[in-house]
Amino acid sequence: QVQLKESGGGLVQAGGSLTLSCAASERTFNNIVGWFRQAAGKEREFVAAIRWSAGFRYYADSVKGRFTISRVNGKSMVHLQMNRLRSEDTAVYFCATDGPGYDSRYTAWSPSDFGSWGQGTQVTVSS
């Protein structure tokens, strides 16, 4: 069973930046690594994903051009660089893996598509 641990959350002013990290232990990521977020009172939503082997990257429209997902060579680690943060980015951010294999028809996923999750890290953007 993979263990996922997110880090890097915190409080930042609107327009600022944060980098989240997701580290896997026990084994490495499988197929795909996704970032999701859940704001208070809302459903968990897709933010970004990266194909672990091929490196293909995917983004939700709401973060495209502001967030960048990347993998760390030689390590079971994925980063989410978040720039130009907005108050609506405030949420608990989760990383996930054990998602579906490659299918070019899909560029976004639901939480139910992923089998393994971290505990989440809080990101708060003050306006």
Foldseek 3Di string as FASTA:
>chain_A
DKAKAKDWADEEAAQAKTKMKIAIPPDAFDQKKFKWWDAPPGDIFTAKMAGPPPGDIAGDPVQPPFWDWDQDPPGRMIMIIGGRDDQVVWTWMKMFGPFDHDDVVDRTDDPVRTDDIYPTDTHGYHD
